[in-house]
C-alpha atoms as a PDB file:
ATOM      1  CA  MET A   1      29.512  82.762 -14.412  1.00  0.00           C
ATOM      2  CA  VAL A   2      26.612  83.897 -12.236  1.00  0.00           C
ATOM      3  CA  ALA A   3      28.151  87.415 -12.009  1.00  0.00           C
ATOM      4  CA  ALA A   4      28.457  87.401 -15.816  1.00  0.00           C
ATOM      5  CA  VAL A   5      24.756  86.495 -16.181  1.00  0.00           C
ATOM      6  CA  GLN A   6      23.861  89.161 -13.633  1.00  0.00           C
ATOM      7  CA  ALA A   7      25.918  91.655 -15.701  1.00  0.00           C
ATOM      8  CA  GLY A   8      23.882  90.868 -18.818  1.00  0.00           C
ATOM      9  CA  LYS A   9      25.774  88.040 -20.482  1.00  0.00           C
ATOM     10  CA  VAL A  10      22.743  85.780 -20.576  1.00  0.00           C
ATOM     11  CA  HIS A  11      24.407  83.156 -22.794  1.00  0.00           C
ATOM     12  CA  GLU A  12      26.588  82.219 -19.781  1.00  0.00           C
ATOM     13  CA  PHE A  13      23.388  80.804 -18.202  1.00  0.00           C
ATOM     14  CA  ASP A  14      23.659  77.869 -20.569  1.00  0.00           C
ATOM     15  CA  THR A  15      26.986  76.876 -19.021  1.00  0.00           C
ATOM     16  CA  LEU A  16      25.383  77.127 -15.510  1.00  0.00           C
ATOM     17  CA  VAL A  17      22.485  74.885 -16.609  1.00  0.00           C
ATOM     18  CA  GLY A  18      24.932  72.357 -18.052  1.00  0.00           C
ATOM     19  CA  ARG A  19      26.964  72.332 -14.881  1.00  0.00           C
ATOM     20  CA  HIS A  20      23.997  71.837 -12.516  1.00  0.00           C
ATOM     21  CA  LEU A  21      21.267  70.139 -14.627  1.00  0.00           C
ATOM     22  CA  ASP A  22      22.065  66.570 -13.625  1.00  0.00           C
ATOM     23  CA  ALA A  23      22.313  67.336  -9.897  1.00  0.00           C
ATOM     24  CA  ILE A  24      18.989  69.263  -9.827  1.00  0.00           C
ATOM     25  CA  HIS A  25      17.245  66.674 -11.969  1.00  0.00           C
ATOM     26  CA  ALA A  26      18.400  63.925  -9.546  1.00  0.00           C
ATOM     27  CA  PHE A  27      17.343  66.037  -6.525  1.00  0.00           C
ATOM     28  CA  VAL A  28      13.840  66.526  -7.929  1.00  0.00           C
ATOM     29  CA  ALA A  29      13.591  62.844  -8.956  1.00  0.00           C
ATOM     30  CA  LEU A  30      14.300  61.744  -5.414  1.00  0.00           C
ATOM     31  CA  LYS A  31      11.536  64.044  -4.102  1.00  0.00           C
ATOM     32  CA  LEU A  32       8.958  63.430  -6.792  1.00  0.00           C
ATOM     33  CA  PRO A  33       9.416  60.138  -8.720  1.00  0.00           C
ATOM     34  CA  VAL A  34       7.044  60.990 -11.612  1.00  0.00           C
ATOM     35  CA  PRO A  35       9.189  61.187 -14.738  1.00  0.00           C
ATOM     36  CA  HIS A  36       7.175  63.892 -16.630  1.00  0.00           C
ATOM     37  CA  LEU A  37       6.943  66.044 -13.516  1.00  0.00           C
ATOM     38  CA  VAL A  38      10.597  65.654 -12.755  1.00  0.00           C
ATOM     39  CA  ASP A  39      11.528  67.050 -16.125  1.00  0.00           C
ATOM     40  CA  GLU A  40       8.863  69.812 -15.825  1.00  0.00           C
ATOM     41  CA  ILE A  41       9.885  70.905 -12.352  1.00  0.00           C
ATOM     42  CA  THR A  42      13.610  70.789 -13.246  1.00  0.00           C
ATOM     43  CA  HIS A  43      12.883  73.007 -16.201  1.00  0.00           C
ATOM     44  CA  GLU A  44      10.744  75.350 -14.112  1.00  0.00           C
ATOM     45  CA  THR A  45      13.590  75.568 -11.572  1.00  0.00           C
ATOM     46  CA  PHE A  46      16.064  76.873 -14.138  1.00  0.00           C
ATOM     47  CA  VAL A  47      13.481  79.264 -15.666  1.00  0.00           C
ATOM     48  CA  PHE A  48      12.760  80.616 -12.212  1.00  0.00           C
ATOM     49  CA  ALA A  49      16.513  80.930 -11.479  1.00  0.00           C
ATOM     50  CA  PHE A  50      17.187  82.705 -14.762  1.00  0.00           C
ATOM     51  CA  ARG A  51      14.362  85.176 -14.147  1.00  0.00           C
ATOM     52  CA  ARG A  52      15.544  85.812 -10.602  1.00  0.00           C
ATOM     53  CA  ILE A  53      19.263  85.657 -11.101  1.00  0.00           C
ATOM     54  CA  SER A  54      19.578  89.179  -9.799  1.00  0.00           C
ATOM     55  CA  GLU A  55      18.356  87.944  -6.405  1.00  0.00           C
ATOM     56  CA  PHE A  56      21.194  85.400  -6.105  1.00  0.00           C
ATOM     57  CA  THR A  57      23.776  86.459  -3.519  1.00  0.00           C
ATOM     58  CA  ALA A  58      27.344  86.331  -4.723  1.00  0.00           C
ATOM     59  CA  GLY A  59      29.540  84.107  -2.614  1.00  0.00           C
ATOM     60  CA  THR A  60      26.884  81.581  -1.769  1.00  0.00           C
ATOM     61  CA  SER A  61      26.282  78.193  -3.378  1.00  0.00           C
ATOM     62  CA  PHE A  62      24.491  78.488  -6.599  1.00  0.00           C
ATOM     63  CA  ARG A  63      23.569  74.770  -6.469  1.00  0.00           C
ATOM     64  CA  ALA A  64      22.062  75.149  -2.969  1.00  0.00           C
ATOM     65  CA  TRP A  65      20.069  78.087  -4.285  1.00  0.00           C
ATOM     66  CA  LEU A  66      18.803  75.929  -7.212  1.00  0.00           C
ATOM     67  CA  ARG A  67      18.008  73.104  -4.820  1.00  0.00           C
ATOM     68  CA  ALA A  68      15.958  75.462  -2.673  1.00  0.00           C
ATOM     69  CA  ILE A  69      14.027  76.651  -5.680  1.00  0.00           C
ATOM     70  CA  ALA A  70      13.442  73.088  -6.760  1.00  0.00           C
ATOM     71  CA  ALA A  71      12.287  72.046  -3.318  1.00  0.00           C
ATOM     72  CA  ASN A  72       9.799  74.918  -3.300  1.00  0.00           C
ATOM     73  CA  LYS A  73       8.527  73.866  -6.761  1.00  0.00           C
ATOM     74  CA  VAL A  74       8.120  70.209  -5.556  1.00  0.00           C
ATOM     75  CA  ARG A  75       6.218  71.369  -2.477  1.00  0.00           C
ATOM     76  CA  ALA A  76       3.873  73.478  -4.596  1.00  0.00           C
ATOM     77  CA  GLU A  77       3.309  70.554  -6.927  1.00  0.00           C
ATOM     78  CA  ILE A  78       2.476  68.205  -4.145  1.00  0.00           C
ATOM     79  CA  GLU A  79       0.103  70.748  -2.640  1.00  0.00           C
ATOM     80  CA  ARG A  80      -1.561  71.212  -6.088  1.00  0.00           C
ATOM     81  CA  TYR A  81      -1.986  67.501  -6.403  1.00  0.00           C
ATOM     82  CA  ARG A  82      -3.491  67.291  -2.871  1.00  0.00           C
ATOM     83  CA  ARG A  83      -5.927  70.125  -3.592  1.00  0.00           C
ATOM     84  CA  GLU A  84      -7.034  68.529  -6.909  1.00  0.00           C
ATOM     85  CA  GLU A  85      -7.397  65.106  -5.273  1.00  0.00           C
ATOM     86  CA  ARG A  86      -9.604  66.708  -2.520  1.00  0.00           C
ATOM     87  CA  ASN A  87     -11.723  68.332  -5.277  1.00  0.00           C
ATOM     88  CA  ARG A  88     -11.992  65.040  -7.199  1.00  0.00           C
ATOM     89  CA  LEU A  89     -13.052  63.194  -4.023  1.00  0.00           C
ATOM     90  CA  ALA A  90     -15.663  65.939  -3.258  1.00  0.00           C
ATOM     91  CA  PHE A  91     -16.925  65.627  -6.812  1.00  0.00           C
ATOM     92  CA  ALA A  92     -17.014  61.812  -6.549  1.00  0.00           C
ATOM     93  CA  GLU A  93     -18.953  62.073  -3.255  1.00  0.00           C
ATOM     94  CA  ARG A  94     -21.469  64.443  -4.792  1.00  0.00           C
ATOM     95  CA  TYR A  95     -21.806  62.116  -7.831  1.00  0.00           C
ATOM     96  CA  ALA A  96     -22.253  59.156  -5.556  1.00  0.00           C
ATOM     97  CA  LEU A  97     -24.837  61.072  -3.530  1.00  0.00           C
ATOM     98  CA  ASP A  98     -26.620  61.912  -6.790  1.00  0.00           C
ATOM     99  CA  GLU A  99     -26.604  58.203  -7.891  1.00  0.00           C
ATOM    100  CA  ALA A 100     -27.642  57.013  -4.445  1.00  0.00           C
ATOM    101  CA  SER A 101     -30.552  59.465  -4.389  1.00  0.00           C
ATOM    102  CA  ARG A 102     -31.820  58.091  -7.736  1.00  0.00           C
ATOM    103  CA  GLU A 103     -31.599  54.553  -6.457  1.00  0.00           C
ATOM    104  CA  THR A 104     -32.954  55.065  -2.970  1.00  0.00           C
ATOM    105  CA  ALA A 105     -35.111  58.112  -3.519  1.00  0.00           C
ATOM    106  CA  ASP A 106     -34.126  59.276   0.029  1.00  0.00           C
ATOM    107  CA  PRO A 107     -36.133  62.439   0.577  1.00  0.00           C
ATOM    108  CA  HIS A 108     -33.217  64.194   2.314  1.00  0.00           C
ATOM    109  CA  VAL A 109     -30.870  63.490  -0.537  1.00  0.00           C
ATOM    110  CA  THR A 110     -33.455  64.423  -3.099  1.00  0.00           C
ATOM    111  CA  ARG A 111     -33.945  67.736  -1.297  1.00  0.00           C
ATOM    112  CA  GLU A 112     -30.231  68.404  -1.294  1.00  0.00           C
ATOM    113  CA  LEU A 113     -29.928  67.701  -4.981  1.00  0.00           C
ATOM    114  CA  GLU A 114     -32.937  69.826  -5.796  1.00  0.00           C
ATOM    115  CA  ALA A 115     -31.402  72.641  -3.767  1.00  0.00           C
ATOM    116  CA  LEU A 116     -28.079  72.183  -5.538  1.00  0.00           C
ATOM    117  CA  ASN A 117     -29.735  72.341  -8.934  1.00  0.00           C
ATOM    118  CA  ASP A 118     -31.743  75.417  -8.001  1.00  0.00           C
ATOM    119  CA  CYS A 119     -28.606  77.108  -6.718  1.00  0.00           C
ATOM    120  CA  LEU A 120     -26.595  76.160  -9.798  1.00  0.00           C
ATOM    121  CA  ARG A 121     -29.305  77.909 -11.952  1.00  0.00           C
ATOM    122  CA  THR A 122     -28.573  81.153 -10.196  1.00  0.00           C
ATOM    123  CA  VAL A 123     -24.846  81.083 -10.832  1.00  0.00           C
ATOM    124  CA  PRO A 124     -23.840  83.574 -13.511  1.00  0.00           C
ATOM    125  CA  GLU A 125     -22.857  81.984 -16.872  1.00  0.00           C
ATOM    126  CA  HIS A 126     -19.140  82.855 -16.675  1.00  0.00           C
ATOM    127  CA  PHE A 127     -18.978  81.081 -13.313  1.00  0.00           C
ATOM    128  CA  GLN A 128     -20.922  78.119 -14.655  1.00  0.00           C
ATOM    129  CA  THR A 129     -18.277  77.873 -17.359  1.00  0.00           C
ATOM    130  CA  LEU A 130     -15.647  77.784 -14.605  1.00  0.00           C
ATOM    131  CA  LEU A 131     -17.508  75.026 -12.718  1.00  0.00           C
ATOM    132  CA  ASN A 132     -18.006  72.980 -15.886  1.00  0.00           C
ATOM    133  CA  LEU A 133     -14.351  73.225 -16.760  1.00  0.00           C
ATOM    134  CA  ARG A 134     -13.341  72.086 -13.267  1.00  0.00           C
ATOM    135  CA  TYR A 135     -15.881  69.396 -12.522  1.00  0.00           C
ATOM    136  CA  ARG A 136     -17.295  68.125 -15.821  1.00  0.00           C
ATOM    137  CA  GLU A 137     -14.133  68.381 -17.881  1.00  0.00           C
ATOM    138  CA  GLU A 138     -11.891  67.808 -14.851  1.00  0.00           C
ATOM    139  CA  SER A 139      -9.507  70.505 -15.935  1.00  0.00           C
ATOM    140  CA  SER A 140      -6.778  71.520 -13.557  1.00  0.00           C
ATOM    141  CA  SER A 141      -6.670  75.031 -12.193  1.00  0.00           C
ATOM    142  CA  GLU A 142      -3.658  75.672 -14.404  1.00  0.00           C
ATOM    143  CA  GLN A 143      -5.517  74.451 -17.486  1.00  0.00           C
ATOM    144  CA  ILE A 144      -8.473  76.590 -16.651  1.00  0.00           C
ATOM    145  CA  ALA A 145      -6.336  79.695 -16.159  1.00  0.00           C
ATOM    146  CA  SER A 146      -4.658  79.177 -19.511  1.00  0.00           C
ATOM    147  CA  ARG A 147      -7.985  78.451 -21.315  1.00  0.00           C
ATOM    148  CA  LEU A 148      -9.834  81.480 -19.808  1.00  0.00           C
ATOM    149  CA  GLY A 149      -6.765  83.862 -19.965  1.00  0.00           C
ATOM    150  CA  ARG A 150      -6.936  84.367 -16.199  1.00  0.00           C
ATOM    151  CA  SER A 151      -4.360  84.056 -13.415  1.00  0.00           C
ATOM    152  CA  LEU A 152      -4.015  80.862 -11.420  1.00  0.00           C
ATOM    153  CA  ALA A 153      -4.814  82.811  -8.206  1.00  0.00           C
ATOM    154  CA  TRP A 154      -8.083  84.142  -9.810  1.00  0.00           C
ATOM    155  CA  VAL A 155      -9.154  80.662 -10.848  1.00  0.00           C
ATOM    156  CA  ARG A 156      -8.478  79.160  -7.415  1.00  0.00           C
ATOM    157  CA  THR A 157      -9.997  82.043  -5.506  1.00  0.00           C
ATOM    158  CA  THR A 158     -13.074  82.230  -7.659  1.00  0.00           C
ATOM    159  CA  LEU A 159     -13.694  78.499  -7.458  1.00  0.00           C
ATOM    160  CA  CYS A 160     -13.419  78.722  -3.705  1.00  0.00           C
ATOM    161  CA  ARG A 161     -15.898  81.618  -3.569  1.00  0.00           C
ATOM    162  CA  VAL A 162     -18.406  80.026  -5.896  1.00  0.00           C
ATOM    163  CA  ARG A 163     -18.332  76.748  -3.949  1.00  0.00           C
ATOM    164  CA  GLN A 164     -18.909  78.704  -0.746  1.00  0.00           C
ATOM    165  CA  GLN A 165     -21.797  80.628  -2.346  1.00  0.00           C
ATOM    166  CA  LEU A 166     -23.307  77.352  -3.494  1.00  0.00           C
ATOM    167  CA  ARG A 167     -22.980  75.830   0.043  1.00  0.00           C
ATOM    168  CA  ASP A 168     -24.643  78.916   1.572  1.00  0.00           C
ATOM    169  CA  CYS A 169     -27.464  78.795  -1.041  1.00  0.00           C
ATOM    170  CA  ILE A 170     -28.101  75.102  -0.409  1.00  0.00           C
ATOM    171  CA  GLU A 171     -28.167  75.609   3.297  1.00  0.00           C
ATOM    172  CA  ARG A 172     -30.672  78.480   2.994  1.00  0.00           C
ATOM    173  CA  LYS A 173     -32.921  76.456   0.736  1.00  0.00           C
ATOM    174  CA  LEU A 174     -32.890  73.422   3.009  1.00  0.00           C
ATOM    175  CA  LYS A 175     -33.755  75.613   6.005  1.00  0.00           C
ATOM    176  CA  ILE A 176     -36.738  77.098   4.102  1.00  0.00           C
ATOM    177  CA  GLN A 177     -38.089  73.915   2.665  1.00  0.00           C
ATOM    178  CA  PRO A 178     -40.006  71.743   5.100  1.00  0.00           C
ATOM    179  CA  SER A 179     -38.703  68.166   5.641  1.00  0.00           C
END
């Protein structure tokens, strides 16, 4: 059947899906017990396999190939979750810092917040939009990419660069301002 799909009989892929769907779904469910993600990653696995069917080596196990694809998709999802969780924690820490500074009026914290606000004013508008989507609306990188019509890599790389520029700007301002 794989050879038939590789030869252009794409309708044969339906039979392959039917034959391997339950096994791949179970494999993903054991690795990632979140029902909507299990369905999504199982689907993504078959879409990826269909698009890359020409890369499958005849004479090897198609199910093992599908499982390898699924395992990579699960790994990517876990890494995405970890990255978003780190970003949420960083945002929560910044928010807590902001709240604490209002309550305690700690001069150091106040200076950091003033520096952050000054630096944010220098960020170009299209990058401010990106920051607002990520931190105010709490959109995922995938959602931002879709909304802005950009690649996922562009969103992640640009967010990283903008955050670094903000860190550098804050550090410069704190060095210049007397304590």
